[in-house]
Amino acid sequence: MSDRHAGAVLVHILLASALLAVSCDGSLGDEARARQCRANMNTLSTDQAIFSSLNDRWASSIAELDSAAGRRQTLLCPETLRPYSMTLTDSGYVIECTSGGHGSISNGTPDWAQEARTGS
């Protein structure tokens, strides 16, 4: 085996070890799941805006949003594998992750956007 080939193999082993260490630690996976959860809530919020513009009312449930969007399966939090909750309010709606840690969207505004602005 040439020195160059041996060096490339060593680099691949080190990279694989680093990736394994990160995945065992879980921190990178947790961040990715939180981002996917928030993306799912953004999707539901967009679905709610489209539904409202077509029907002159808010969808009353996530099942109604799923049906209108043509989804065969409801979106789930990738961490808890539980569905999101949606509550209609006097001023609109709130979509919330039931894990308690990924936030919520109220009338199209995510609460994590506020966290980013304040540094909380």
C-alpha atoms as a PDB file:
ATOM      1  CA  MET A   1       0.000   0.000   0.000  1.00  0.00           C
ATOM      2  CA  SER A   2       1.418   3.395  -0.922  1.00  0.00           C
ATOM      3  CA  ASP A   3       1.944   6.087   1.706  1.00  0.00           C
ATOM      4  CA  ARG A   4      -0.620   8.258  -0.056  1.00  0.00           C
ATOM      5  CA  HIS A   5      -3.261   5.488  -0.004  1.00  0.00           C
ATOM      6  CA  ALA A   6      -2.478   4.689   3.650  1.00  0.00           C
ATOM      7  CA  GLY A   7      -2.901   8.377   4.514  1.00  0.00           C
ATOM      8  CA  ALA A   8      -6.281   8.508   2.762  1.00  0.00           C
ATOM      9  CA  VAL A   9      -7.439   5.398   4.621  1.00  0.00           C
ATOM     10  CA  LEU A  10      -6.338   6.925   7.929  1.00  0.00           C
ATOM     11  CA  VAL A  11      -8.254  10.138   7.166  1.00  0.00           C
ATOM     12  CA  HIS A  12     -11.402   8.131   6.406  1.00  0.00           C
ATOM     13  CA  ILE A  13     -11.042   6.151   9.638  1.00  0.00           C
ATOM     14  CA  LEU A  14     -10.615   9.351  11.647  1.00  0.00           C
ATOM     15  CA  LEU A  15     -13.639  10.962   9.978  1.00  0.00           C
ATOM     16  CA  ALA A  16     -15.769   7.871  10.597  1.00  0.00           C
ATOM     17  CA  SER A  17     -14.659   7.825  14.251  1.00  0.00           C
ATOM     18  CA  ALA A  18     -15.525  11.497  14.661  1.00  0.00           C
ATOM     19  CA  LEU A  19     -18.962  10.987  13.118  1.00  0.00           C
ATOM     20  CA  LEU A  20     -19.596   7.990  15.346  1.00  0.00           C
ATOM     21  CA  ALA A  21     -18.565   9.976  18.424  1.00  0.00           C
ATOM     22  CA  VAL A  22     -20.917  12.825  17.481  1.00  0.00           C
ATOM     23  CA  SER A  23     -23.824  10.469  16.839  1.00  0.00           C
ATOM     24  CA  CYS A  24     -23.207   8.621  20.129  1.00  0.00           C
ATOM     25  CA  ASP A  25     -23.129  11.924  21.993  1.00  0.00           C
ATOM     26  CA  GLY A  26     -26.492  12.792  20.443  1.00  0.00           C
ATOM     27  CA  SER A  27     -25.970  16.548  20.351  1.00  0.00           C
ATOM     28  CA  LEU A  28     -25.846  16.825  16.581  1.00  0.00           C
ATOM     29  CA  GLY A  29     -28.829  14.481  16.266  1.00  0.00           C
ATOM     30  CA  ASP A  30     -30.830  16.493  18.793  1.00  0.00           C
ATOM     31  CA  GLU A  31     -30.213  19.717  16.884  1.00  0.00           C
ATOM     32  CA  ALA A  32     -31.188  18.093  13.601  1.00  0.00           C
ATOM     33  CA  ARG A  33     -34.408  16.721  15.135  1.00  0.00           C
ATOM     34  CA  ALA A  34     -35.278  20.145  16.571  1.00  0.00           C
ATOM     35  CA  ARG A  35     -34.752  21.759  13.151  1.00  0.00           C
ATOM     36  CA  GLN A  36     -36.888  19.116  11.442  1.00  0.00           C
ATOM     37  CA  CYS A  37     -39.592  19.584  14.066  1.00  0.00           C
ATOM     38  CA  ARG A  38     -39.618  23.322  13.459  1.00  0.00           C
ATOM     39  CA  ALA A  39     -39.678  22.761   9.691  1.00  0.00           C
ATOM     40  CA  ASN A  40     -42.732  20.526  10.175  1.00  0.00           C
ATOM     41  CA  MET A  41     -44.466  23.259  12.193  1.00  0.00           C
ATOM     42  CA  ASN A  42     -43.590  25.786   9.462  1.00  0.00           C
ATOM     43  CA  THR A  43     -45.195  23.436   6.927  1.00  0.00           C
ATOM     44  CA  LEU A  44     -48.373  23.228   9.011  1.00  0.00           C
ATOM     45  CA  SER A  45     -48.430  27.007   9.398  1.00  0.00           C
ATOM     46  CA  THR A  46     -48.076  27.466   5.637  1.00  0.00           C
ATOM     47  CA  ASP A  47     -50.834  24.904   5.114  1.00  0.00           C
ATOM     48  CA  GLN A  48     -53.034  26.897   7.497  1.00  0.00           C
ATOM     49  CA  ALA A  49     -52.405  30.129   5.554  1.00  0.00           C
ATOM     50  CA  ILE A  50     -53.263  28.443   2.247  1.00  0.00           C
ATOM     51  CA  PHE A  51     -56.340  26.793   3.738  1.00  0.00           C
ATOM     52  CA  SER A  52     -57.537  30.115   5.132  1.00  0.00           C
ATOM     53  CA  SER A  53     -57.070  31.932   1.823  1.00  0.00           C
ATOM     54  CA  LEU A  54     -59.070  29.250  -0.012  1.00  0.00           C
ATOM     55  CA  ASN A  55     -61.832  28.733   2.569  1.00  0.00           C
ATOM     56  CA  ASP A  56     -62.178  32.085   4.390  1.00  0.00           C
ATOM     57  CA  ARG A  57     -61.684  30.318   7.721  1.00  0.00           C
ATOM     58  CA  TRP A  58     -58.972  28.533   9.662  1.00  0.00           C
ATOM     59  CA  ALA A  59     -58.766  24.751   9.458  1.00  0.00           C
ATOM     60  CA  SER A  60     -60.185  23.376  12.695  1.00  0.00           C
ATOM     61  CA  SER A  61     -57.679  20.532  13.081  1.00  0.00           C
ATOM     62  CA  ILE A  62     -54.393  19.190  11.849  1.00  0.00           C
ATOM     63  CA  ALA A  63     -56.326  16.323  10.264  1.00  0.00           C
ATOM     64  CA  GLU A  64     -58.195  18.915   8.183  1.00  0.00           C
ATOM     65  CA  LEU A  65     -54.860  20.499   7.176  1.00  0.00           C
ATOM     66  CA  ASP A  66     -53.453  17.087   6.269  1.00  0.00           C
ATOM     67  CA  SER A  67     -56.471  16.357   4.110  1.00  0.00           C
ATOM     68  CA  ALA A  68     -56.315  19.724   2.345  1.00  0.00           C
ATOM     69  CA  ALA A  69     -52.574  19.307   1.725  1.00  0.00           C
ATOM     70  CA  GLY A  70     -53.018  15.760   0.444  1.00  0.00           C
ATOM     71  CA  ARG A  71     -50.878  14.232   3.188  1.00  0.00           C
ATOM     72  CA  ARG A  72     -51.598  10.587   3.854  1.00  0.00           C
ATOM     73  CA  GLN A  73     -49.780  10.632   7.186  1.00  0.00           C
ATOM     74  CA  THR A  74     -49.766  13.392   9.732  1.00  0.00           C
ATOM     75  CA  LEU A  75     -46.483  15.145  10.475  1.00  0.00           C
ATOM     76  CA  LEU A  76     -44.833  14.033  13.713  1.00  0.00           C
ATOM     77  CA  CYS A  77     -42.151  15.501  15.921  1.00  0.00           C
ATOM     78  CA  PRO A  78     -39.042  13.512  14.948  1.00  0.00           C
ATOM     79  CA  GLU A  79     -37.924  13.377  18.581  1.00  0.00           C
ATOM     80  CA  THR A  80     -41.101  12.156  20.293  1.00  0.00           C
ATOM     81  CA  LEU A  81     -42.935  10.738  17.255  1.00  0.00           C
ATOM     82  CA  ARG A  82     -46.055  12.487  18.542  1.00  0.00           C
ATOM     83  CA  PRO A  83     -48.352  14.698  16.451  1.00  0.00           C
ATOM     84  CA  TYR A  84     -48.425  18.456  16.829  1.00  0.00           C
ATOM     85  CA  SER A  85     -51.257  20.245  18.567  1.00  0.00           C
ATOM     86  CA  MET A  86     -53.209  23.090  17.040  1.00  0.00           C
ATOM     87  CA  THR A  87     -55.470  25.449  18.923  1.00  0.00           C
ATOM     88  CA  LEU A  88     -57.744  28.046  17.373  1.00  0.00           C
ATOM     89  CA  THR A  89     -57.769  31.361  19.232  1.00  0.00           C
ATOM     90  CA  ASP A  90     -59.752  34.576  18.928  1.00  0.00           C
ATOM     91  CA  SER A  91     -56.919  36.033  16.863  1.00  0.00           C
ATOM     92  CA  GLY A  92     -56.013  32.955  14.801  1.00  0.00           C
ATOM     93  CA  TYR A  93     -54.178  29.753  15.676  1.00  0.00           C
ATOM     94  CA  VAL A  94     -51.247  28.250  17.558  1.00  0.00           C
ATOM     95  CA  ILE A  95     -49.359  25.174  16.336  1.00  0.00           C
ATOM     96  CA  GLU A  96     -47.229  23.617  19.036  1.00  0.00           C
ATOM     97  CA  CYS A  97     -44.792  20.744  19.420  1.00  0.00           C
ATOM     98  CA  THR A  98     -46.014  18.507  22.212  1.00  0.00           C
ATOM     99  CA  SER A  99     -42.432  17.817  23.340  1.00  0.00           C
ATOM    100  CA  GLY A 100     -42.410  21.203  25.046  1.00  0.00           C
ATOM    101  CA  GLY A 101     -38.932  21.999  23.817  1.00  0.00           C
ATOM    102  CA  HIS A 102     -39.203  22.831  20.143  1.00  0.00           C
ATOM    103  CA  GLY A 103     -41.500  25.820  20.351  1.00  0.00           C
ATOM    104  CA  SER A 104     -44.682  26.914  18.657  1.00  0.00           C
ATOM    105  CA  ILE A 105     -46.024  29.092  15.866  1.00  0.00           C
ATOM    106  CA  SER A 106     -48.735  31.635  16.511  1.00  0.00           C
ATOM    107  CA  ASN A 107     -50.466  33.078  13.430  1.00  0.00           C
ATOM    108  CA  GLY A 108     -47.419  32.356  11.286  1.00  0.00           C
ATOM    109  CA  THR A 109     -44.840  33.733  13.708  1.00  0.00           C
ATOM    110  CA  PRO A 110     -42.505  31.160  15.282  1.00  0.00           C
ATOM    111  CA  ASP A 111     -41.528  31.783  18.891  1.00  0.00           C
ATOM    112  CA  TRP A 112     -37.967  30.652  18.169  1.00  0.00           C
ATOM    113  CA  ALA A 113     -37.529  33.699  15.906  1.00  0.00           C
ATOM    114  CA  GLN A 114     -38.058  35.826  19.021  1.00  0.00           C
ATOM    115  CA  GLU A 115     -35.473  33.698  20.898  1.00  0.00           C
ATOM    116  CA  ALA A 116     -32.921  34.350  18.144  1.00  0.00           C
ATOM    117  CA  ARG A 117     -33.471  38.132  18.324  1.00  0.00           C
ATOM    118  CA  THR A 118     -33.162  38.304  22.112  1.00  0.00           C
ATOM    119  CA  GLY A 119     -30.462  35.658  22.457  1.00  0.00           C
ATOM    120  CA  SER A 120     -32.538  33.644  24.932  1.00  0.00           C
END
